[in-house]
Amino acid sequence: LRGLPIAQALENGCWCGAQAVQIPGANTAQLDPSHLPWP
């Protein structure tokens, strides 16, 4: 939705998934839009 190409959206998605598994809870990942691989 922010206009990133598919390759970058895919990388950001994988990064967000990796953050999620490292702490307990279904929605507790502290995702910061400026800290994604492709901010």
Full PDB file with SEQRES, HELIX, SHEET, SSBOND, CRYST1, ORIGX, SCALE, CONECT and MASTER records, all heavy atoms in Angstrom:
SEQRES   1 A   39  LEU ARG GLY LEU PRO ILE ALA GLN ALA LEU GLU ASN GLY          
SEQRES   2 A   39  CYS TRP CYS GLY ALA GLN ALA VAL GLN ILE PRO GLY ALA          
SEQRES   3 A   39  ASN THR ALA GLN LEU ASP PRO SER HIS LEU PRO TRP PRO          
HELIX    1 AA1 ILE A    6  ALA A   20  1                                  15    
CRYST1    1.000    1.000    1.000  90.00  90.00  90.00 P 1           1          
ORIGX1      1.000000  0.000000  0.000000        0.00000                         
ORIGX2      0.000000  1.000000  0.000000        0.00000                         
ORIGX3      0.000000  0.000000  1.000000        0.00000                         
SCALE1      1.000000  0.000000  0.000000        0.00000                         
SCALE2      0.000000  1.000000  0.000000        0.00000                         
SCALE3      0.000000  0.000000  1.000000        0.00000                         
ATOM      1  N   LEU A   1       0.814  -1.219   0.000  1.00  0.00           N  
ATOM      2  CA  LEU A   1       0.000   0.000   0.000  1.00  0.00           C  
ATOM      3  C   LEU A   1       0.844   1.265   0.000  1.00  0.00           C  
ATOM      4  O   LEU A   1       0.374   2.323  -0.418  1.00  0.00           O  
ATOM      5  CB  LEU A   1      -0.950  -0.008   1.192  1.00  0.00           C  
ATOM      6  CG  LEU A   1      -2.053  -1.064   1.151  1.00  0.00           C  
ATOM      7  CD1 LEU A   1      -2.873  -1.032   2.436  1.00  0.00           C  
ATOM      8  CD2 LEU A   1      -2.961  -0.864  -0.061  1.00  0.00           C  
ATOM      9  N   ARG A   2       2.083   1.172   0.469  1.00  0.00           N  
ATOM     10  CA  ARG A   2       2.987   2.317   0.417  1.00  0.00           C  
ATOM     11  C   ARG A   2       3.727   2.409  -0.911  1.00  0.00           C  
ATOM     12  O   ARG A   2       4.583   3.261  -1.103  1.00  0.00           O  
ATOM     13  CB  ARG A   2       3.996   2.250   1.568  1.00  0.00           C  
ATOM     14  CG  ARG A   2       3.386   2.509   2.940  1.00  0.00           C  
ATOM     15  CD  ARG A   2       3.042   3.990   3.147  1.00  0.00           C  
ATOM     16  NE  ARG A   2       2.619   4.252   4.518  1.00  0.00           N  
ATOM     17  CZ  ARG A   2       1.381   4.556   4.880  1.00  0.00           C  
ATOM     18  NH1 ARG A   2       0.431   4.659   3.974  1.00  0.00           N  
ATOM     19  NH2 ARG A   2       1.083   4.786   6.147  1.00  0.00           N  
ATOM     20  N   GLY A   3       3.408   1.485  -1.829  1.00  0.00           N  
ATOM     21  CA  GLY A   3       3.947   1.584  -3.176  1.00  0.00           C  
ATOM     22  C   GLY A   3       5.247   0.864  -3.425  1.00  0.00           C  
ATOM     23  O   GLY A   3       5.843   1.018  -4.492  1.00  0.00           O  
ATOM     24  N   LEU A   4       5.701   0.034  -2.484  1.00  0.00           N  
ATOM     25  CA  LEU A   4       6.933  -0.706  -2.700  1.00  0.00           C  
ATOM     26  C   LEU A   4       6.713  -1.818  -3.724  1.00  0.00           C  
ATOM     27  O   LEU A   4       5.631  -2.408  -3.788  1.00  0.00           O  
ATOM     28  CB  LEU A   4       7.439  -1.318  -1.392  1.00  0.00           C  
ATOM     29  CG  LEU A   4       8.406  -0.471  -0.548  1.00  0.00           C  
ATOM     30  CD1 LEU A   4       7.773   0.834  -0.126  1.00  0.00           C  
ATOM     31  CD2 LEU A   4       8.884  -1.267   0.667  1.00  0.00           C  
ATOM     32  N   PRO A   5       7.729  -2.134  -4.521  1.00  0.00           N  
ATOM     33  CA  PRO A   5       7.592  -3.239  -5.470  1.00  0.00           C  
ATOM     34  C   PRO A   5       7.498  -4.576  -4.740  1.00  0.00           C  
ATOM     35  O   PRO A   5       7.844  -4.683  -3.559  1.00  0.00           O  
ATOM     36  CB  PRO A   5       8.873  -3.145  -6.312  1.00  0.00           C  
ATOM     37  CG  PRO A   5       9.836  -2.389  -5.472  1.00  0.00           C  
ATOM     38  CD  PRO A   5       9.026  -1.455  -4.628  1.00  0.00           C  
ATOM     39  N   ILE A   6       7.055  -5.592  -5.450  1.00  0.00           N  
ATOM     40  CA  ILE A   6       6.798  -6.888  -4.825  1.00  0.00           C  
ATOM     41  C   ILE A   6       8.033  -7.449  -4.133  1.00  0.00           C  
ATOM     42  O   ILE A   6       7.935  -7.991  -3.020  1.00  0.00           O  
ATOM     43  CB  ILE A   6       6.247  -7.882  -5.867  1.00  0.00           C  
ATOM     44  CG1 ILE A   6       4.801  -7.509  -6.211  1.00  0.00           C  
ATOM     45  CG2 ILE A   6       6.319  -9.317  -5.353  1.00  0.00           C  
ATOM     46  CD1 ILE A   6       4.163  -8.393  -7.263  1.00  0.00           C  
ATOM     47  N   ALA A   7       9.197  -7.339  -4.738  1.00  0.00           N  
ATOM     48  CA  ALA A   7      10.405  -7.902  -4.134  1.00  0.00           C  
ATOM     49  C   ALA A   7      10.665  -7.292  -2.760  1.00  0.00           C  
ATOM     50  O   ALA A   7      11.037  -7.998  -1.806  1.00  0.00           O  
ATOM     51  CB  ALA A   7      11.610  -7.683  -5.045  1.00  0.00           C  
ATOM     52  N   GLN A   8      10.478  -5.991  -2.618  1.00  0.00           N  
ATOM     53  CA  GLN A   8      10.713  -5.323  -1.339  1.00  0.00           C  
ATOM     54  C   GLN A   8       9.596  -5.624  -0.341  1.00  0.00           C  
ATOM     55  O   GLN A   8       9.852  -5.805   0.853  1.00  0.00           O  
ATOM     56  CB  GLN A   8      10.856  -3.820  -1.570  1.00  0.00           C  
ATOM     57  CG  GLN A   8      12.091  -3.459  -2.387  1.00  0.00           C  
ATOM     58  CD  GLN A   8      12.200  -1.974  -2.679  1.00  0.00           C  
ATOM     59  OE1 GLN A   8      11.410  -1.166  -2.186  1.00  0.00           O  
ATOM     60  NE2 GLN A   8      13.188  -1.601  -3.495  1.00  0.00           N  
ATOM     61  N   ALA A   9       8.352  -5.695  -0.821  1.00  0.00           N  
ATOM     62  CA  ALA A   9       7.242  -6.061   0.060  1.00  0.00           C  
ATOM     63  C   ALA A   9       7.440  -7.471   0.606  1.00  0.00           C  
ATOM     64  O   ALA A   9       7.166  -7.742   1.783  1.00  0.00           O  
ATOM     65  CB  ALA A   9       5.916  -5.965  -0.696  1.00  0.00           C  
ATOM     66  N   LEU A  10       7.949  -8.371  -0.235  1.00  0.00           N  
ATOM     67  CA  LEU A  10       8.198  -9.754   0.180  1.00  0.00           C  
ATOM     68  C   LEU A  10       9.271  -9.789   1.263  1.00  0.00           C  
ATOM     69  O   LEU A  10       9.132 -10.497   2.274  1.00  0.00           O  
ATOM     70  CB  LEU A  10       8.639 -10.570  -1.032  1.00  0.00           C  
ATOM     71  CG  LEU A  10       8.741 -12.077  -0.870  1.00  0.00           C  
ATOM     72  CD1 LEU A  10       7.369 -12.687  -0.635  1.00  0.00           C  
ATOM     73  CD2 LEU A  10       9.389 -12.692  -2.133  1.00  0.00           C  
ATOM     74  N   GLU A  11      10.323  -9.021   1.087  1.00  0.00           N  
ATOM     75  CA  GLU A  11      11.399  -8.982   2.085  1.00  0.00           C  
ATOM     76  C   GLU A  11      10.894  -8.400   3.404  1.00  0.00           C  
ATOM     77  O   GLU A  11      11.193  -8.923   4.485  1.00  0.00           O  
ATOM     78  CB  GLU A  11      12.572  -8.165   1.545  1.00  0.00           C  
ATOM     79  CG  GLU A  11      13.836  -8.313   2.360  1.00  0.00           C  
ATOM     80  CD  GLU A  11      15.048  -7.708   1.682  1.00  0.00           C  
ATOM     81  OE1 GLU A  11      15.012  -7.495   0.456  1.00  0.00           O  
ATOM     82  OE2 GLU A  11      16.033  -7.430   2.396  1.00  0.00           O  
ATOM     83  N   ASN A  12      10.116  -7.335   3.322  1.00  0.00           N  
ATOM     84  CA  ASN A  12       9.554  -6.757   4.547  1.00  0.00           C  
ATOM     85  C   ASN A  12       8.618  -7.737   5.246  1.00  0.00           C  
ATOM     86  O   ASN A  12       8.601  -7.833   6.483  1.00  0.00           O  
ATOM     87  CB  ASN A  12       8.803  -5.464   4.223  1.00  0.00           C  
ATOM     88  CG  ASN A  12       9.725  -4.268   4.058  1.00  0.00           C  
ATOM     89  OD1 ASN A  12      10.921  -4.351   4.339  1.00  0.00           O  
ATOM     90  ND2 ASN A  12       9.185  -3.164   3.589  1.00  0.00           N  
ATOM     91  N   GLY A  13       7.820  -8.464   4.469  1.00  0.00           N  
ATOM     92  CA  GLY A  13       6.936  -9.448   5.061  1.00  0.00           C  
ATOM     93  C   GLY A  13       7.706 -10.527   5.805  1.00  0.00           C  
ATOM     94  O   GLY A  13       7.355 -10.891   6.937  1.00  0.00           O  
ATOM     95  N   CYS A  14       8.767 -11.035   5.193  1.00  0.00           N  
ATOM     96  CA  CYS A  14       9.586 -12.062   5.844  1.00  0.00           C  
ATOM     97  C   CYS A  14      10.227 -11.522   7.123  1.00  0.00           C  
ATOM     98  O   CYS A  14      10.294 -12.226   8.143  1.00  0.00           O  
ATOM     99  CB  CYS A  14      10.667 -12.561   4.887  1.00  0.00           C  
ATOM    100  SG  CYS A  14      10.052 -13.638   3.583  1.00  0.00           S  
ATOM    101  N   TRP A  15      10.676 -10.286   7.084  1.00  0.00           N  
ATOM    102  CA  TRP A  15      11.295  -9.687   8.277  1.00  0.00           C  
ATOM    103  C   TRP A  15      10.272  -9.562   9.402  1.00  0.00           C  
ATOM    104  O   TRP A  15      10.564  -9.886  10.558  1.00  0.00           O  
ATOM    105  CB  TRP A  15      11.862  -8.314   7.920  1.00  0.00           C  
ATOM    106  CG  TRP A  15      12.648  -7.677   9.026  1.00  0.00           C  
ATOM    107  CD1 TRP A  15      13.981  -7.844   9.302  1.00  0.00           C  
ATOM    108  CD2 TRP A  15      12.137  -6.764  10.013  1.00  0.00           C  
ATOM    109  NE1 TRP A  15      14.335  -7.093  10.394  1.00  0.00           N  
ATOM    110  CE2 TRP A  15      13.231  -6.421  10.855  1.00  0.00           C  
ATOM    111  CE3 TRP A  15      10.899  -6.206  10.267  1.00  0.00           C  
ATOM    112  CZ2 TRP A  15      13.090  -5.537  11.928  1.00  0.00           C  
ATOM    113  CZ3 TRP A  15      10.750  -5.341  11.325  1.00  0.00           C  
ATOM    114  CH2 TRP A  15      11.838  -5.011  12.151  1.00  0.00           C  
ATOM    115  N   CYS A  16       9.061  -9.132   9.076  1.00  0.00           N  
ATOM    116  CA  CYS A  16       8.012  -9.002  10.100  1.00  0.00           C  
ATOM    117  C   CYS A  16       7.660 -10.361  10.692  1.00  0.00           C  
ATOM    118  O   CYS A  16       7.447 -10.488  11.905  1.00  0.00           O  
ATOM    119  CB  CYS A  16       6.772  -8.345   9.509  1.00  0.00           C  
ATOM    120  SG  CYS A  16       6.972  -6.583   9.114  1.00  0.00           S  
ATOM    121  N   GLY A  17       7.592 -11.376   9.861  1.00  0.00           N  
ATOM    122  CA  GLY A  17       7.325 -12.712  10.364  1.00  0.00           C  
ATOM    123  C   GLY A  17       8.407 -13.189  11.309  1.00  0.00           C  
ATOM    124  O   GLY A  17       8.124 -13.820  12.347  1.00  0.00           O  
ATOM    125  N   ALA A  18       9.665 -12.884  10.982  1.00  0.00           N  
ATOM    126  CA  ALA A  18      10.787 -13.288  11.844  1.00  0.00           C  
ATOM    127  C   ALA A  18      10.751 -12.563  13.186  1.00  0.00           C  
ATOM    128  O   ALA A  18      11.119 -13.143  14.220  1.00  0.00           O  
ATOM    129  CB  ALA A  18      12.112 -13.019  11.127  1.00  0.00           C  
ATOM    130  N   GLN A  19      10.306 -11.314  13.185  1.00  0.00           N  
ATOM    131  CA  GLN A  19      10.185 -10.595  14.466  1.00  0.00           C  
ATOM    132  C   GLN A  19       9.121 -11.241  15.340  1.00  0.00           C  
ATOM    133  O   GLN A  19       9.255 -11.340  16.561  1.00  0.00           O  
ATOM    134  CB  GLN A  19       9.834  -9.122  14.236  1.00  0.00           C  
ATOM    135  CG  GLN A  19      10.775  -8.360  13.321  1.00  0.00           C  
ATOM    136  CD  GLN A  19      12.225  -8.603  13.646  1.00  0.00           C  
ATOM    137  OE1 GLN A  19      12.706  -8.315  14.744  1.00  0.00           O  
ATOM    138  NE2 GLN A  19      12.958  -9.155  12.683  1.00  0.00           N  
ATOM    139  N   ALA A  20       8.037 -11.693  14.712  1.00  0.00           N  
ATOM    140  CA  ALA A  20       6.896 -12.212  15.467  1.00  0.00           C  
ATOM    141  C   ALA A  20       7.237 -13.470  16.248  1.00  0.00           C  
ATOM    142  O   ALA A  20       6.739 -13.669  17.362  1.00  0.00           O  
ATOM    143  CB  ALA A  20       5.737 -12.490  14.518  1.00  0.00           C  
ATOM    144  N   VAL A  21       8.060 -14.350  15.679  1.00  0.00           N  
ATOM    145  CA  VAL A  21       8.298 -15.654  16.329  1.00  0.00           C  
ATOM    146  C   VAL A  21       9.252 -15.561  17.513  1.00  0.00           C  
ATOM    147  O   VAL A  21       9.408 -16.527  18.257  1.00  0.00           O  
ATOM    148  CB  VAL A  21       8.835 -16.690  15.316  1.00  0.00           C  
ATOM    149  CG1 VAL A  21       7.857 -16.878  14.173  1.00  0.00           C  
ATOM    150  CG2 VAL A  21      10.216 -16.306  14.789  1.00  0.00           C  
ATOM    151  N   GLN A  22       9.873 -14.403  17.707  1.00  0.00           N  
ATOM    152  CA  GLN A  22      10.907 -14.299  18.741  1.00  0.00           C  
ATOM    153  C   GLN A  22      10.381 -13.853  20.101  1.00  0.00           C  
ATOM    154  O   GLN A  22      11.129 -13.811  21.076  1.00  0.00           O  
ATOM    155  CB  GLN A  22      12.016 -13.354  18.264  1.00  0.00           C  
ATOM    156  CG  GLN A  22      12.711 -13.878  17.018  1.00  0.00           C  
ATOM    157  CD  GLN A  22      13.900 -13.042  16.598  1.00  0.00           C  
ATOM    158  OE1 GLN A  22      14.958 -13.077  17.225  1.00  0.00           O  
ATOM    159  NE2 GLN A  22      13.744 -12.285  15.526  1.00  0.00           N  
ATOM    160  N   ILE A  23       9.074 -13.546  20.167  1.00  0.00           N  
ATOM    161  CA  ILE A  23       8.465 -13.167  21.442  1.00  0.00           C  
ATOM    162  C   ILE A  23       7.102 -13.836  21.559  1.00  0.00           C  
ATOM    163  O   ILE A  23       6.452 -14.106  20.545  1.00  0.00           O  
ATOM    164  CB  ILE A  23       8.317 -11.634  21.592  1.00  0.00           C  
ATOM    165  CG1 ILE A  23       7.572 -11.031  20.400  1.00  0.00           C  
ATOM    166  CG2 ILE A  23       9.668 -10.963  21.768  1.00  0.00           C  
ATOM    167  CD1 ILE A  23       7.322  -9.557  20.527  1.00  0.00           C  
ATOM    168  N   PRO A  24       6.640 -14.115  22.774  1.00  0.00           N  
ATOM    169  CA  PRO A  24       5.335 -14.769  22.928  1.00  0.00           C  
ATOM    170  C   PRO A  24       4.192 -13.844  22.508  1.00  0.00           C  
ATOM    171  O   PRO A  24       4.271 -12.626  22.653  1.00  0.00           O  
ATOM    172  CB  PRO A  24       5.264 -15.062  24.439  1.00  0.00           C  
ATOM    173  CG  PRO A  24       6.666 -14.946  24.937  1.00  0.00           C  
ATOM    174  CD  PRO A  24       7.326 -13.930  24.060  1.00  0.00           C  
ATOM    175  N   GLY A  25       3.133 -14.440  21.981  1.00  0.00           N  
ATOM    176  CA  GLY A  25       1.943 -13.674  21.639  1.00  0.00           C  
ATOM    177  C   GLY A  25       1.706 -13.597  20.144  1.00  0.00           C  
ATOM    178  O   GLY A  25       2.643 -13.663  19.341  1.00  0.00           O  
ATOM    179  N   ALA A  26       0.443 -13.432  19.783  1.00  0.00           N  
ATOM    180  CA  ALA A  26       0.058 -13.462  18.377  1.00  0.00           C  
ATOM    181  C   ALA A  26       0.244 -12.133  17.662  1.00  0.00           C  
ATOM    182  O   ALA A  26       0.311 -12.094  16.437  1.00  0.00           O  
ATOM    183  CB  ALA A  26      -1.397 -13.901  18.258  1.00  0.00           C  
ATOM    184  N   ASN A  27       0.301 -11.026  18.396  1.00  0.00           N  
ATOM    185  CA  ASN A  27       0.387  -9.712  17.753  1.00  0.00           C  
ATOM    186  C   ASN A  27       1.279  -8.760  18.541  1.00  0.00           C  
ATOM    187  O   ASN A  27       1.049  -7.560  18.561  1.00  0.00           O  
ATOM    188  CB  ASN A  27      -1.017  -9.112  17.579  1.00  0.00           C  
ATOM    189  CG  ASN A  27      -1.831  -9.196  18.859  1.00  0.00           C  
ATOM    190  OD1 ASN A  27      -1.417  -8.683  19.902  1.00  0.00           O  
ATOM    191  ND2 ASN A  27      -2.986  -9.849  18.800  1.00  0.00           N  
ATOM    192  N   THR A  28       2.277  -9.330  19.193  1.00  0.00           N  
ATOM    193  CA  THR A  28       3.128  -8.552  20.092  1.00  0.00           C  
ATOM    194  C   THR A  28       4.405  -8.039  19.434  1.00  0.00           C  
ATOM    195  O   THR A  28       5.157  -7.297  20.066  1.00  0.00           O  
ATOM    196  CB  THR A  28       3.503  -9.393  21.321  1.00  0.00           C  
ATOM    197  OG1 THR A  28       3.982 -10.671  20.877  1.00  0.00           O  
ATOM    198  CG2 THR A  28       2.303  -9.612  22.222  1.00  0.00           C  
ATOM    199  N   ALA A  29       4.670  -8.437  18.190  1.00  0.00           N  
ATOM    200  CA  ALA A  29       5.879  -7.968  17.507  1.00  0.00           C  
ATOM    201  C   ALA A  29       5.878  -6.444  17.428  1.00  0.00           C  
ATOM    202  O   ALA A  29       4.891  -5.834  17.009  1.00  0.00           O  
ATOM    203  CB  ALA A  29       5.957  -8.565  16.107  1.00  0.00           C  
ATOM    204  N   GLN A  30       6.968  -5.846  17.848  1.00  0.00           N  
ATOM    205  CA  GLN A  30       7.073  -4.381  17.846  1.00  0.00           C  
ATOM    206  C   GLN A  30       7.571  -3.904  16.481  1.00  0.00           C  
ATOM    207  O   GLN A  30       8.754  -3.637  16.286  1.00  0.00           O  
ATOM    208  CB  GLN A  30       7.998  -3.924  18.975  1.00  0.00           C  
ATOM    209  CG  GLN A  30       7.463  -4.245  20.360  1.00  0.00           C  
ATOM    210  CD  GLN A  30       6.065  -3.686  20.581  1.00  0.00           C  
ATOM    211  OE1 GLN A  30       5.837  -2.481  20.432  1.00  0.00           O  
ATOM    212  NE2 GLN A  30       5.122  -4.558  20.937  1.00  0.00           N  
ATOM    213  N   LEU A  31       6.652  -3.838  15.549  1.00  0.00           N  
ATOM    214  CA  LEU A  31       6.985  -3.467  14.177  1.00  0.00           C  
ATOM    215  C   LEU A  31       7.020  -1.953  14.043  1.00  0.00           C  
ATOM    216  O   LEU A  31       6.061  -1.276  14.391  1.00  0.00           O  
ATOM    217  CB  LEU A  31       5.957  -4.057  13.210  1.00  0.00           C  
ATOM    218  CG  LEU A  31       5.731  -5.572  13.309  1.00  0.00           C  
ATOM    219  CD1 LEU A  31       4.717  -6.013  12.259  1.00  0.00           C  
ATOM    220  CD2 LEU A  31       7.036  -6.336  13.155  1.00  0.00           C  
ATOM    221  N   ASP A  32       8.119  -1.451  13.552  1.00  0.00           N  
ATOM    222  CA  ASP A  32       8.299  -0.012  13.348  1.00  0.00           C  
ATOM    223  C   ASP A  32       8.496   0.220  11.856  1.00  0.00           C  
ATOM    224  O   ASP A  32       9.433  -0.337  11.269  1.00  0.00           O  
ATOM    225  CB  ASP A  32       9.526   0.473  14.135  1.00  0.00           C  
ATOM    226  CG  ASP A  32       9.705   1.984  14.078  1.00  0.00           C  
ATOM    227  OD1 ASP A  32       9.407   2.582  13.026  1.00  0.00           O  
ATOM    228  OD2 ASP A  32      10.170   2.564  15.079  1.00  0.00           O  
ATOM    229  N   PRO A  33       7.649   1.031  11.222  1.00  0.00           N  
ATOM    230  CA  PRO A  33       7.756   1.197   9.766  1.00  0.00           C  
ATOM    231  C   PRO A  33       9.099   1.755   9.312  1.00  0.00           C  
ATOM    232  O   PRO A  33       9.514   1.511   8.178  1.00  0.00           O  
ATOM    233  CB  PRO A  33       6.615   2.158   9.433  1.00  0.00           C  
ATOM    234  CG  PRO A  33       6.233   2.804  10.723  1.00  0.00           C  
ATOM    235  CD  PRO A  33       6.527   1.804  11.789  1.00  0.00           C  
ATOM    236  N   SER A  34       9.774   2.466  10.186  1.00  0.00           N  
ATOM    237  CA  SER A  34      11.068   3.039   9.790  1.00  0.00           C  
ATOM    238  C   SER A  34      12.217   2.068   9.957  1.00  0.00           C  
ATOM    239  O   SER A  34      13.338   2.340   9.508  1.00  0.00           O  
ATOM    240  CB  SER A  34      11.350   4.306  10.622  1.00  0.00           C  
ATOM    241  OG  SER A  34      11.491   3.987  11.993  1.00  0.00           O  
ATOM    242  N   HIS A  35      11.982   0.920  10.605  1.00  0.00           N  
ATOM    243  CA  HIS A  35      13.035  -0.053  10.855  1.00  0.00           C  
ATOM    244  C   HIS A  35      12.946  -1.287   9.974  1.00  0.00           C  
ATOM    245  O   HIS A  35      13.738  -2.225  10.155  1.00  0.00           O  
ATOM    246  CB  HIS A  35      13.025  -0.469  12.336  1.00  0.00           C  
ATOM    247  CG  HIS A  35      13.409   0.641  13.262  1.00  0.00           C  
ATOM    248  ND1 HIS A  35      13.144   0.616  14.617  1.00  0.00           N  
ATOM    249  CD2 HIS A  35      14.012   1.843  13.018  1.00  0.00           C  
ATOM    250  CE1 HIS A  35      13.588   1.724  15.175  1.00  0.00           C  
ATOM    251  NE2 HIS A  35      14.113   2.491  14.236  1.00  0.00           N  
ATOM    252  N   LEU A  36      12.011  -1.333   9.059  1.00  0.00           N  
ATOM    253  CA  LEU A  36      11.912  -2.461   8.153  1.00  0.00           C  
ATOM    254  C   LEU A  36      13.101  -2.466   7.201  1.00  0.00           C  
ATOM    255  O   LEU A  36      13.736  -1.424   6.988  1.00  0.00           O  
ATOM    256  CB  LEU A  36      10.611  -2.382   7.346  1.00  0.00           C  
ATOM    257  CG  LEU A  36       9.375  -3.063   7.944  1.00  0.00           C  
ATOM    258  CD1 LEU A  36       9.040  -2.537   9.322  1.00  0.00           C  
ATOM    259  CD2 LEU A  36       8.186  -2.938   7.004  1.00  0.00           C  
ATOM    260  N   PRO A  37      13.444  -3.615   6.606  1.00  0.00           N  
ATOM    261  CA  PRO A  37      14.545  -3.634   5.622  1.00  0.00           C  
ATOM    262  C   PRO A  37      14.364  -2.575   4.533  1.00  0.00           C  
ATOM    263  O   PRO A  37      15.337  -1.967   4.091  1.00  0.00           O  
ATOM    264  CB  PRO A  37      14.473  -5.055   5.059  1.00  0.00           C  
ATOM    265  CG  PRO A  37      13.860  -5.871   6.143  1.00  0.00           C  
ATOM    266  CD  PRO A  37      12.870  -4.958   6.824  1.00  0.00           C  
ATOM    267  N   TRP A  38      13.118  -2.412   4.102  1.00  0.00           N  
ATOM    268  CA  TRP A  38      12.763  -1.338   3.176  1.00  0.00           C  
ATOM    269  C   TRP A  38      11.778  -0.443   3.910  1.00  0.00           C  
ATOM    270  O   TRP A  38      10.582  -0.720   3.958  1.00  0.00           O  
ATOM    271  CB  TRP A  38      12.150  -1.908   1.897  1.00  0.00           C  
ATOM    272  CG  TRP A  38      13.110  -2.780   1.141  1.00  0.00           C  
ATOM    273  CD1 TRP A  38      13.212  -4.137   1.210  1.00  0.00           C  
ATOM    274  CD2 TRP A  38      14.124  -2.345   0.240  1.00  0.00           C  
ATOM    275  NE1 TRP A  38      14.232  -4.584   0.411  1.00  0.00           N  
ATOM    276  CE2 TRP A  38      14.809  -3.500  -0.214  1.00  0.00           C  
ATOM    277  CE3 TRP A  38      14.532  -1.091  -0.239  1.00  0.00           C  
ATOM    278  CZ2 TRP A  38      15.866  -3.439  -1.112  1.00  0.00           C  
ATOM    279  CZ3 TRP A  38      15.586  -1.029  -1.135  1.00  0.00           C  
ATOM    280  CH2 TRP A  38      16.243  -2.193  -1.567  1.00  0.00           C  
ATOM    281  N   PRO A  39      12.285   0.635   4.535  1.00  0.00           N  
ATOM    282  CA  PRO A  39      11.434   1.474   5.393  1.00  0.00           C  
ATOM    283  C   PRO A  39      10.232   2.035   4.655  1.00  0.00           C  
ATOM    284  O   PRO A  39      10.270   2.306   3.455  1.00  0.00           O  
ATOM    285  CB  PRO A  39      12.390   2.596   5.840  1.00  0.00           C  
ATOM    286  CG  PRO A  39      13.758   2.007   5.689  1.00  0.00           C  
ATOM    287  CD  PRO A  39      13.672   1.095   4.500  1.00  0.00           C  
TER     288      PRO A  39                                                      
MASTER        0    0    0    1    0    0    0    6  287    1    0    3          
END                                                                             
